[in-house]
Amino acid sequence: MSKLFVIENTLQAALQPMYLQVLDESHMHSRGQETHYKAVIVSEQFAGLNAVKRHQKAYAAMGELMQQIHALALHTYTPEEWAKQGAAPDSPVCAGGHK
C-alpha cells in the first residue's frame, strides 16, 4: 500500500472532507522517494479555526504517519472558502536541487 493511499485514507477518516486531494510531489525534490506531499483539504471541521489550528488538526490526524514523510504542504479550506477560491496554489520548485 502506497504512502499516498494511507495519507488519503487517514485524512478522509479523520476530517471527513467534502474535497480531498493528496499529491505525491517527491519527484520535485531530492531522491523522489515518497517523502514530499501536498494535501488540499476542504472540511466543515475547519470552520472558525485559523490556519495554524487547521494545520494542527490535520497533523494530529496524521499522527505517527508524519514520522515517515519529510514534508506535507497543507492547503486547508472551509467549503465556503473553497467555493470562492476554487483551487490551491501551485507548489514551488524545490530550492534544494536534486541529489
PDB file of N, CA and C in Angstrom:
ATOM      1  N   MET A   1       0.851  -1.176   0.000  1.00  0.00           N
ATOM      2  CA  MET A   1       0.000   0.000   0.000  1.00  0.00           C
ATOM      3  C   MET A   1       0.898   1.240   0.000  1.00  0.00           C
ATOM      4  N   SER A   2       0.657   2.167  -0.905  1.00  0.00           N
ATOM      5  CA  SER A   2       1.486   3.365  -1.015  1.00  0.00           C
ATOM      6  C   SER A   2       1.205   4.335   0.136  1.00  0.00           C
ATOM      7  N   LYS A   3       2.197   5.154   0.436  1.00  0.00           N
ATOM      8  CA  LYS A   3       2.008   6.180   1.467  1.00  0.00           C
ATOM      9  C   LYS A   3       0.904   7.146   1.058  1.00  0.00           C
ATOM     10  N   LEU A   4       0.829   7.441  -0.232  1.00  0.00           N
ATOM     11  CA  LEU A   4      -0.211   8.337  -0.730  1.00  0.00           C
ATOM     12  C   LEU A   4      -1.596   7.815  -0.361  1.00  0.00           C
ATOM     13  N   PHE A   5      -1.823   6.535  -0.583  1.00  0.00           N
ATOM     14  CA  PHE A   5      -3.104   5.900  -0.262  1.00  0.00           C
ATOM     15  C   PHE A   5      -3.379   5.973   1.240  1.00  0.00           C
ATOM     16  N   VAL A   6      -2.366   5.713   2.043  1.00  0.00           N
ATOM     17  CA  VAL A   6      -2.519   5.748   3.504  1.00  0.00           C
ATOM     18  C   VAL A   6      -2.831   7.168   3.975  1.00  0.00           C
ATOM     19  N   ILE A   7      -2.137   8.158   3.424  1.00  0.00           N
ATOM     20  CA  ILE A   7      -2.391   9.556   3.784  1.00  0.00           C
ATOM     21  C   ILE A   7      -3.822   9.942   3.427  1.00  0.00           C
ATOM     22  N   GLU A   8      -4.244   9.606   2.214  1.00  0.00           N
ATOM     23  CA  GLU A   8      -5.614   9.918   1.787  1.00  0.00           C
ATOM     24  C   GLU A   8      -6.642   9.302   2.725  1.00  0.00           C
ATOM     25  N   ASN A   9      -6.483   8.028   3.028  1.00  0.00           N
ATOM     26  CA  ASN A   9      -7.441   7.333   3.895  1.00  0.00           C
ATOM     27  C   ASN A   9      -7.446   7.901   5.305  1.00  0.00           C
ATOM     28  N   THR A  10      -6.275   8.248   5.808  1.00  0.00           N
ATOM     29  CA  THR A  10      -6.161   8.801   7.158  1.00  0.00           C
ATOM     30  C   THR A  10      -6.868  10.148   7.256  1.00  0.00           C
ATOM     31  N   LEU A  11      -6.598  11.033   6.310  1.00  0.00           N
ATOM     32  CA  LEU A  11      -7.224  12.356   6.325  1.00  0.00           C
ATOM     33  C   LEU A  11      -8.724  12.266   6.072  1.00  0.00           C
ATOM     34  N   GLN A  12      -9.128  11.372   5.186  1.00  0.00           N
ATOM     35  CA  GLN A  12     -10.554  11.185   4.885  1.00  0.00           C
ATOM     36  C   GLN A  12     -11.310  10.745   6.138  1.00  0.00           C
ATOM     37  N   ALA A  13     -10.768   9.771   6.844  1.00  0.00           N
ATOM     38  CA  ALA A  13     -11.439   9.239   8.029  1.00  0.00           C
ATOM     39  C   ALA A  13     -11.529  10.272   9.151  1.00  0.00           C
ATOM     40  N   ALA A  14     -10.469  11.036   9.348  1.00  0.00           N
ATOM     41  CA  ALA A  14     -10.425  11.964  10.477  1.00  0.00           C
ATOM     42  C   ALA A  14     -11.152  13.280  10.218  1.00  0.00           C
ATOM     43  N   LEU A  15     -11.042  13.804   9.008  1.00  0.00           N
ATOM     44  CA  LEU A  15     -11.555  15.148   8.738  1.00  0.00           C
ATOM     45  C   LEU A  15     -12.842  15.172   7.925  1.00  0.00           C
ATOM     46  N   GLN A  16     -13.236  14.041   7.388  1.00  0.00           N
ATOM     47  CA  GLN A  16     -14.462  13.911   6.596  1.00  0.00           C
ATOM     48  C   GLN A  16     -14.624  15.079   5.619  1.00  0.00           C
ATOM     49  N   PRO A  17     -13.624  15.287   4.777  1.00  0.00           N
ATOM     50  CA  PRO A  17     -13.681  16.430   3.863  1.00  0.00           C
ATOM     51  C   PRO A  17     -14.696  16.255   2.743  1.00  0.00           C
ATOM     52  N   MET A  18     -15.220  17.379   2.265  1.00  0.00           N
ATOM     53  CA  MET A  18     -16.083  17.338   1.082  1.00  0.00           C
ATOM     54  C   MET A  18     -15.221  17.271  -0.171  1.00  0.00           C
ATOM     55  N   TYR A  19     -13.947  17.667  -0.038  1.00  0.00           N
ATOM     56  CA  TYR A  19     -12.980  17.563  -1.129  1.00  0.00           C
ATOM     57  C   TYR A  19     -11.624  17.267  -0.518  1.00  0.00           C
ATOM     58  N   LEU A  20     -10.918  16.311  -1.096  1.00  0.00           N
ATOM     59  CA  LEU A  20      -9.579  15.957  -0.639  1.00  0.00           C
ATOM     60  C   LEU A  20      -8.740  15.595  -1.845  1.00  0.00           C
ATOM     61  N   GLN A  21      -7.593  16.227  -1.949  1.00  0.00           N
ATOM     62  CA  GLN A  21      -6.634  15.878  -2.992  1.00  0.00           C
ATOM     63  C   GLN A  21      -5.270  15.784  -2.331  1.00  0.00           C
ATOM     64  N   VAL A  22      -4.634  14.636  -2.460  1.00  0.00           N
ATOM     65  CA  VAL A  22      -3.290  14.450  -1.941  1.00  0.00           C
ATOM     66  C   VAL A  22      -2.395  14.117  -3.129  1.00  0.00           C
ATOM     67  N   LEU A  23      -1.325  14.885  -3.267  1.00  0.00           N
ATOM     68  CA  LEU A  23      -0.389  14.683  -4.368  1.00  0.00           C
ATOM     69  C   LEU A  23       0.981  14.306  -3.826  1.00  0.00           C
ATOM     70  N   ASP A  24       1.619  13.335  -4.460  1.00  0.00           N
ATOM     71  CA  ASP A  24       2.998  12.981  -4.140  1.00  0.00           C
ATOM     72  C   ASP A  24       3.884  13.887  -4.980  1.00  0.00           C
ATOM     73  N   GLU A  25       4.548  14.823  -4.334  1.00  0.00           N
ATOM     74  CA  GLU A  25       5.414  15.769  -5.034  1.00  0.00           C
ATOM     75  C   GLU A  25       6.890  15.430  -4.846  1.00  0.00           C
ATOM     76  N   SER A  26       7.166  14.192  -4.491  1.00  0.00           N
ATOM     77  CA  SER A  26       8.538  13.766  -4.239  1.00  0.00           C
ATOM     78  C   SER A  26       9.425  13.934  -5.465  1.00  0.00           C
ATOM     79  N   HIS A  27       8.850  13.809  -6.650  1.00  0.00           N
ATOM     80  CA  HIS A  27       9.632  13.948  -7.881  1.00  0.00           C
ATOM     81  C   HIS A  27      10.227  15.353  -8.034  1.00  0.00           C
ATOM     82  N   MET A  28       9.699  16.308  -7.285  1.00  0.00           N
ATOM     83  CA  MET A  28      10.185  17.690  -7.362  1.00  0.00           C
ATOM     84  C   MET A  28      11.315  17.951  -6.366  1.00  0.00           C
ATOM     85  N   HIS A  29      11.702  16.922  -5.627  1.00  0.00           N
ATOM     86  CA  HIS A  29      12.669  17.091  -4.550  1.00  0.00           C
ATOM     87  C   HIS A  29      13.755  16.032  -4.635  1.00  0.00           C
ATOM     88  N   SER A  30      14.694  16.133  -3.737  1.00  0.00           N
ATOM     89  CA  SER A  30      15.803  15.190  -3.698  1.00  0.00           C
ATOM     90  C   SER A  30      15.320  13.752  -3.560  1.00  0.00           C
ATOM     91  N   ARG A  31      15.844  12.926  -4.376  1.00  0.00           N
ATOM     92  CA  ARG A  31      15.645  11.480  -4.356  1.00  0.00           C
ATOM     93  C   ARG A  31      14.260  10.999  -4.774  1.00  0.00           C
ATOM     94  N   GLY A  32      13.229  11.791  -4.641  1.00  0.00           N
ATOM     95  CA  GLY A  32      11.893  11.396  -5.070  1.00  0.00           C
ATOM     96  C   GLY A  32      11.408  10.083  -4.493  1.00  0.00           C
ATOM     97  N   GLN A  33      11.527   9.903  -3.191  1.00  0.00           N
ATOM     98  CA  GLN A  33      11.184   8.624  -2.565  1.00  0.00           C
ATOM     99  C   GLN A  33      10.002   8.721  -1.610  1.00  0.00           C
ATOM    100  N   GLU A  34       8.858   9.141  -2.094  1.00  0.00           N
ATOM    101  CA  GLU A  34       7.656   9.224  -1.257  1.00  0.00           C
ATOM    102  C   GLU A  34       7.917   9.967   0.054  1.00  0.00           C
ATOM    103  N   THR A  35       8.451  11.178  -0.072  1.00  0.00           N
ATOM    104  CA  THR A  35       8.782  11.962   1.118  1.00  0.00           C
ATOM    105  C   THR A  35       8.103  13.327   1.163  1.00  0.00           C
ATOM    106  N   HIS A  36       7.634  13.831   0.027  1.00  0.00           N
ATOM    107  CA  HIS A  36       7.049  15.167  -0.052  1.00  0.00           C
ATOM    108  C   HIS A  36       5.632  15.085  -0.617  1.00  0.00           C
ATOM    109  N   TYR A  37       4.675  15.631   0.135  1.00  0.00           N
ATOM    110  CA  TYR A  37       3.268  15.563  -0.266  1.00  0.00           C
ATOM    111  C   TYR A  37       2.604  16.925  -0.145  1.00  0.00           C
ATOM    112  N   LYS A  38       1.541  17.076  -0.893  1.00  0.00           N
ATOM    113  CA  LYS A  38       0.693  18.265  -0.831  1.00  0.00           C
ATOM    114  C   LYS A  38      -0.731  17.776  -0.627  1.00  0.00           C
ATOM    115  N   ALA A  39      -1.428  18.369   0.334  1.00  0.00           N
ATOM    116  CA  ALA A  39      -2.817  17.988   0.594  1.00  0.00           C
ATOM    117  C   ALA A  39      -3.706  19.223   0.538  1.00  0.00           C
ATOM    118  N   VAL A  40      -4.754  19.123  -0.259  1.00  0.00           N
ATOM    119  CA  VAL A  40      -5.793  20.148  -0.311  1.00  0.00           C
ATOM    120  C   VAL A  40      -7.002  19.540   0.385  1.00  0.00           C
ATOM    121  N   ILE A  41      -7.411  20.159   1.487  1.00  0.00           N
ATOM    122  CA  ILE A  41      -8.479  19.607   2.314  1.00  0.00           C
ATOM    123  C   ILE A  41      -9.574  20.654   2.491  1.00  0.00           C
ATOM    124  N   VAL A  42     -10.788  20.291   2.123  1.00  0.00           N
ATOM    125  CA  VAL A  42     -11.943  21.175   2.300  1.00  0.00           C
ATOM    126  C   VAL A  42     -12.887  20.473   3.273  1.00  0.00           C
ATOM    127  N   SER A  43     -13.035  21.047   4.462  1.00  0.00           N
ATOM    128  CA  SER A  43     -13.825  20.391   5.501  1.00  0.00           C
ATOM    129  C   SER A  43     -14.569  21.403   6.365  1.00  0.00           C
ATOM    130  N   GLU A  44     -15.777  21.037   6.748  1.00  0.00           N
ATOM    131  CA  GLU A  44     -16.557  21.845   7.699  1.00  0.00           C
ATOM    132  C   GLU A  44     -15.840  21.934   9.042  1.00  0.00           C
ATOM    133  N   GLN A  45     -14.988  20.954   9.342  1.00  0.00           N
ATOM    134  CA  GLN A  45     -14.283  20.942  10.621  1.00  0.00           C
ATOM    135  C   GLN A  45     -13.316  22.118  10.770  1.00  0.00           C
ATOM    136  N   PHE A  46     -13.019  22.807   9.677  1.00  0.00           N
ATOM    137  CA  PHE A  46     -12.114  23.951   9.738  1.00  0.00           C
ATOM    138  C   PHE A  46     -12.836  25.266  10.034  1.00  0.00           C
ATOM    139  N   ALA A  47     -14.155  25.238  10.075  1.00  0.00           N
ATOM    140  CA  ALA A  47     -14.932  26.456  10.330  1.00  0.00           C
ATOM    141  C   ALA A  47     -14.543  27.052  11.682  1.00  0.00           C
ATOM    142  N   GLY A  48     -14.267  28.344  11.691  1.00  0.00           N
ATOM    143  CA  GLY A  48     -13.923  29.044  12.921  1.00  0.00           C
ATOM    144  C   GLY A  48     -12.488  28.865  13.380  1.00  0.00           C
ATOM    145  N   LEU A  49     -11.687  28.106  12.637  1.00  0.00           N
ATOM    146  CA  LEU A  49     -10.293  27.877  13.015  1.00  0.00           C
ATOM    147  C   LEU A  49      -9.365  28.697  12.129  1.00  0.00           C
ATOM    148  N   ASN A  50      -8.304  29.235  12.736  1.00  0.00           N
ATOM    149  CA  ASN A  50      -7.305  29.928  11.930  1.00  0.00           C
ATOM    150  C   ASN A  50      -6.403  28.894  11.250  1.00  0.00           C
ATOM    151  N   ALA A  51      -5.506  29.347  10.397  1.00  0.00           N
ATOM    152  CA  ALA A  51      -4.656  28.437   9.622  1.00  0.00           C
ATOM    153  C   ALA A  51      -3.821  27.521  10.518  1.00  0.00           C
ATOM    154  N   VAL A  52      -3.279  28.053  11.598  1.00  0.00           N
ATOM    155  CA  VAL A  52      -2.452  27.246  12.497  1.00  0.00           C
ATOM    156  C   VAL A  52      -3.278  26.116  13.111  1.00  0.00           C
ATOM    157  N   LYS A  53      -4.461  26.416  13.598  1.00  0.00           N
ATOM    158  CA  LYS A  53      -5.327  25.401  14.210  1.00  0.00           C
ATOM    159  C   LYS A  53      -5.757  24.353  13.185  1.00  0.00           C
ATOM    160  N   ARG A  54      -5.998  24.772  11.960  1.00  0.00           N
ATOM    161  CA  ARG A  54      -6.370  23.829  10.900  1.00  0.00           C
ATOM    162  C   ARG A  54      -5.223  22.862  10.626  1.00  0.00           C
ATOM    163  N   HIS A  55      -4.022  23.407  10.543  1.00  0.00           N
ATOM    164  CA  HIS A  55      -2.860  22.561  10.289  1.00  0.00           C
ATOM    165  C   HIS A  55      -2.620  21.614  11.461  1.00  0.00           C
ATOM    166  N   GLN A  56      -2.772  22.116  12.672  1.00  0.00           N
ATOM    167  CA  GLN A  56      -2.613  21.259  13.846  1.00  0.00           C
ATOM    168  C   GLN A  56      -3.608  20.106  13.808  1.00  0.00           C
ATOM    169  N   LYS A  57      -4.819  20.387  13.387  1.00  0.00           N
ATOM    170  CA  LYS A  57      -5.859  19.360  13.290  1.00  0.00           C
ATOM    171  C   LYS A  57      -5.461  18.300  12.255  1.00  0.00           C
ATOM    172  N   ALA A  58      -4.938  18.734  11.123  1.00  0.00           N
ATOM    173  CA  ALA A  58      -4.508  17.794  10.082  1.00  0.00           C
ATOM    174  C   ALA A  58      -3.303  16.979  10.544  1.00  0.00           C
ATOM    175  N   TYR A  59      -2.329  17.634  11.180  1.00  0.00           N
ATOM    176  CA  TYR A  59      -1.159  16.911  11.680  1.00  0.00           C
ATOM    177  C   TYR A  59      -1.553  15.919  12.769  1.00  0.00           C
ATOM    178  N   ALA A  60      -2.485  16.291  13.623  1.00  0.00           N
ATOM    179  CA  ALA A  60      -2.963  15.372  14.664  1.00  0.00           C
ATOM    180  C   ALA A  60      -3.611  14.150  14.027  1.00  0.00           C
ATOM    181  N   ALA A  61      -4.357  14.360  12.957  1.00  0.00           N
ATOM    182  CA  ALA A  61      -4.982  13.239  12.249  1.00  0.00           C
ATOM    183  C   ALA A  61      -3.921  12.311  11.672  1.00  0.00           C
ATOM    184  N   MET A  62      -2.835  12.878  11.188  1.00  0.00           N
ATOM    185  CA  MET A  62      -1.757  12.082  10.592  1.00  0.00           C
ATOM    186  C   MET A  62      -1.000  11.280  11.646  1.00  0.00           C
ATOM    187  N   GLY A  63      -0.898  11.806  12.854  1.00  0.00           N
ATOM    188  CA  GLY A  63      -0.242  11.092  13.942  1.00  0.00           C
ATOM    189  C   GLY A  63       1.168  10.636  13.589  1.00  0.00           C
ATOM    190  N   GLU A  64       1.464   9.388  13.899  1.00  0.00           N
ATOM    191  CA  GLU A  64       2.802   8.837  13.692  1.00  0.00           C
ATOM    192  C   GLU A  64       3.178   8.718  12.225  1.00  0.00           C
ATOM    193  N   LEU A  65       2.206   8.789  11.355  1.00  0.00           N
ATOM    194  CA  LEU A  65       2.477   8.743   9.919  1.00  0.00           C
ATOM    195  C   LEU A  65       3.402   9.889   9.498  1.00  0.00           C
ATOM    196  N   MET A  66       3.350  11.010  10.221  1.00  0.00           N
ATOM    197  CA  MET A  66       4.207  12.152   9.902  1.00  0.00           C
ATOM    198  C   MET A  66       5.688  11.808  10.040  1.00  0.00           C
ATOM    199  N   GLN A  67       6.019  10.821  10.855  1.00  0.00           N
ATOM    200  CA  GLN A  67       7.415  10.428  11.029  1.00  0.00           C
ATOM    201  C   GLN A  67       7.976   9.758   9.780  1.00  0.00           C
ATOM    202  N   GLN A  68       7.104   9.318   8.894  1.00  0.00           N
ATOM    203  CA  GLN A  68       7.536   8.602   7.696  1.00  0.00           C
ATOM    204  C   GLN A  68       7.723   9.510   6.484  1.00  0.00           C
ATOM    205  N   ILE A  69       7.356  10.778   6.612  1.00  0.00           N
ATOM    206  CA  ILE A  69       7.489  11.689   5.478  1.00  0.00           C
ATOM    207  C   ILE A  69       8.289  12.917   5.887  1.00  0.00           C
ATOM    208  N   HIS A  70       8.874  13.570   4.907  1.00  0.00           N
ATOM    209  CA  HIS A  70       9.704  14.742   5.176  1.00  0.00           C
ATOM    210  C   HIS A  70       8.883  16.027   5.196  1.00  0.00           C
ATOM    211  N   ALA A  71       7.917  16.132   4.278  1.00  0.00           N
ATOM    212  CA  ALA A  71       7.161  17.380   4.172  1.00  0.00           C
ATOM    213  C   ALA A  71       5.725  17.116   3.735  1.00  0.00           C
ATOM    214  N   LEU A  72       4.816  17.870   4.340  1.00  0.00           N
ATOM    215  CA  LEU A  72       3.410  17.823   3.963  1.00  0.00           C
ATOM    216  C   LEU A  72       2.918  19.262   3.859  1.00  0.00           C
ATOM    217  N   ALA A  73       2.715  19.722   2.633  1.00  0.00           N
ATOM    218  CA  ALA A  73       2.183  21.070   2.408  1.00  0.00           C
ATOM    219  C   ALA A  73       0.672  20.996   2.533  1.00  0.00           C
ATOM    220  N   LEU A  74       0.120  21.753   3.465  1.00  0.00           N
ATOM    221  CA  LEU A  74      -1.317  21.729   3.714  1.00  0.00           C
ATOM    222  C   LEU A  74      -1.992  22.985   3.179  1.00  0.00           C
ATOM    223  N   HIS A  75      -3.078  22.778   2.468  1.00  0.00           N
ATOM    224  CA  HIS A  75      -3.934  23.861   1.991  1.00  0.00           C
ATOM    225  C   HIS A  75      -5.326  23.514   2.503  1.00  0.00           C
ATOM    226  N   THR A  76      -5.757  24.227   3.538  1.00  0.00           N
ATOM    227  CA  THR A  76      -6.987  23.880   4.248  1.00  0.00           C
ATOM    228  C   THR A  76      -8.042  24.967   4.061  1.00  0.00           C
ATOM    229  N   TYR A  77      -9.250  24.533   3.735  1.00  0.00           N
ATOM    230  CA  TYR A  77     -10.337  25.466   3.445  1.00  0.00           C
ATOM    231  C   TYR A  77     -11.649  24.970   4.041  1.00  0.00           C
ATOM    232  N   THR A  78     -12.526  25.911   4.354  1.00  0.00           N
ATOM    233  CA  THR A  78     -13.917  25.561   4.639  1.00  0.00           C
ATOM    234  C   THR A  78     -14.612  25.449   3.278  1.00  0.00           C
ATOM    235  N   PRO A  79     -15.782  24.828   3.218  1.00  0.00           N
ATOM    236  CA  PRO A  79     -16.499  24.770   1.935  1.00  0.00           C
ATOM    237  C   PRO A  79     -16.775  26.156   1.344  1.00  0.00           C
ATOM    238  N   GLU A  80     -17.075  27.128   2.187  1.00  0.00           N
ATOM    239  CA  GLU A  80     -17.349  28.482   1.711  1.00  0.00           C
ATOM    240  C   GLU A  80     -16.100  29.114   1.101  1.00  0.00           C
ATOM    241  N   GLU A  81     -14.966  28.938   1.775  1.00  0.00           N
ATOM    242  CA  GLU A  81     -13.706  29.473   1.252  1.00  0.00           C
ATOM    243  C   GLU A  81     -13.348  28.806  -0.072  1.00  0.00           C
ATOM    244  N   TRP A  82     -13.556  27.499  -0.141  1.00  0.00           N
ATOM    245  CA  TRP A  82     -13.238  26.747  -1.349  1.00  0.00           C
ATOM    246  C   TRP A  82     -14.118  27.195  -2.520  1.00  0.00           C
ATOM    247  N   ALA A  83     -15.371  27.501  -2.238  1.00  0.00           N
ATOM    248  CA  ALA A  83     -16.275  27.965  -3.290  1.00  0.00           C
ATOM    249  C   ALA A  83     -15.769  29.274  -3.896  1.00  0.00           C
ATOM    250  N   LYS A  84     -15.157  30.111  -3.076  1.00  0.00           N
ATOM    251  CA  LYS A  84     -14.600  31.379  -3.563  1.00  0.00           C
ATOM    252  C   LYS A  84     -13.236  31.179  -4.223  1.00  0.00           C
ATOM    253  N   GLN A  85     -12.393  30.357  -3.599  1.00  0.00           N
ATOM    254  CA  GLN A  85     -11.013  30.151  -4.054  1.00  0.00           C
ATOM    255  C   GLN A  85     -10.962  29.213  -5.257  1.00  0.00           C
ATOM    256  N   GLY A  86     -11.556  28.038  -5.110  1.00  0.00           N
ATOM    257  CA  GLY A  86     -11.654  27.085  -6.208  1.00  0.00           C
ATOM    258  C   GLY A  86     -10.422  26.281  -6.541  1.00  0.00           C
ATOM    259  N   ALA A  87      -9.261  26.693  -6.049  1.00  0.00           N
ATOM    260  CA  ALA A  87      -8.034  25.950  -6.339  1.00  0.00           C
ATOM    261  C   ALA A  87      -6.961  26.326  -5.332  1.00  0.00           C
ATOM    262  N   ALA A  88      -6.074  25.387  -5.079  1.00  0.00           N
ATOM    263  CA  ALA A  88      -4.939  25.651  -4.201  1.00  0.00           C
ATOM    264  C   ALA A  88      -3.788  26.190  -5.047  1.00  0.00           C
ATOM    265  N   PRO A  89      -2.881  26.942  -4.438  1.00  0.00           N
ATOM    266  CA  PRO A  89      -1.740  27.453  -5.202  1.00  0.00           C
ATOM    267  C   PRO A  89      -0.818  26.324  -5.657  1.00  0.00           C
ATOM    268  N   ASP A  90      -0.117  26.560  -6.753  1.00  0.00           N
ATOM    269  CA  ASP A  90       0.868  25.594  -7.228  1.00  0.00           C
ATOM    270  C   ASP A  90       2.028  25.535  -6.250  1.00  0.00           C
ATOM    271  N   SER A  91       2.655  24.386  -6.180  1.00  0.00           N
ATOM    272  CA  SER A  91       3.819  24.225  -5.315  1.00  0.00           C
ATOM    273  C   SER A  91       5.051  24.811  -5.994  1.00  0.00           C
ATOM    274  N   PRO A  92       5.936  25.431  -5.213  1.00  0.00           N
ATOM    275  CA  PRO A  92       7.158  25.976  -5.803  1.00  0.00           C
ATOM    276  C   PRO A  92       8.136  24.856  -6.154  1.00  0.00           C
ATOM    277  N   VAL A  93       9.056  25.164  -7.026  1.00  0.00           N
ATOM    278  CA  VAL A  93      10.116  24.219  -7.364  1.00  0.00           C
ATOM    279  C   VAL A  93      11.059  24.155  -6.175  1.00  0.00           C
ATOM    280  N   CYS A  94      11.552  22.988  -5.870  1.00  0.00           N
ATOM    281  CA  CYS A  94      12.449  22.799  -4.735  1.00  0.00           C
ATOM    282  C   CYS A  94      13.722  23.619  -4.925  1.00  0.00           C
ATOM    283  N   ALA A  95      14.075  24.400  -3.928  1.00  0.00           N
ATOM    284  CA  ALA A  95      15.276  25.229  -3.992  1.00  0.00           C
ATOM    285  C   ALA A  95      16.525  24.435  -3.645  1.00  0.00           C
ATOM    286  N   GLY A  96      16.341  23.247  -3.053  1.00  0.00           N
ATOM    287  CA  GLY A  96      17.477  22.443  -2.632  1.00  0.00           C
ATOM    288  C   GLY A  96      18.122  21.662  -3.755  1.00  0.00           C
ATOM    289  N   GLY A  97      17.480  21.569  -4.887  1.00  0.00           N
ATOM    290  CA  GLY A  97      18.041  20.823  -6.009  1.00  0.00           C
ATOM    291  C   GLY A  97      17.868  19.336  -5.843  1.00  0.00           C
ATOM    292  N   HIS A  98      18.294  18.600  -6.823  1.00  0.00           N
ATOM    293  CA  HIS A  98      18.190  17.138  -6.798  1.00  0.00           C
ATOM    294  C   HIS A  98      19.534  16.542  -6.441  1.00  0.00           C
ATOM    295  N   LYS A  99      19.514  15.525  -5.601  1.00  0.00           N
ATOM    296  CA  LYS A  99      20.757  14.871  -5.165  1.00  0.00           C
ATOM    297  C   LYS A  99      20.874  13.528  -5.822  1.00  0.00           C
TER     298      LYS A  99
END
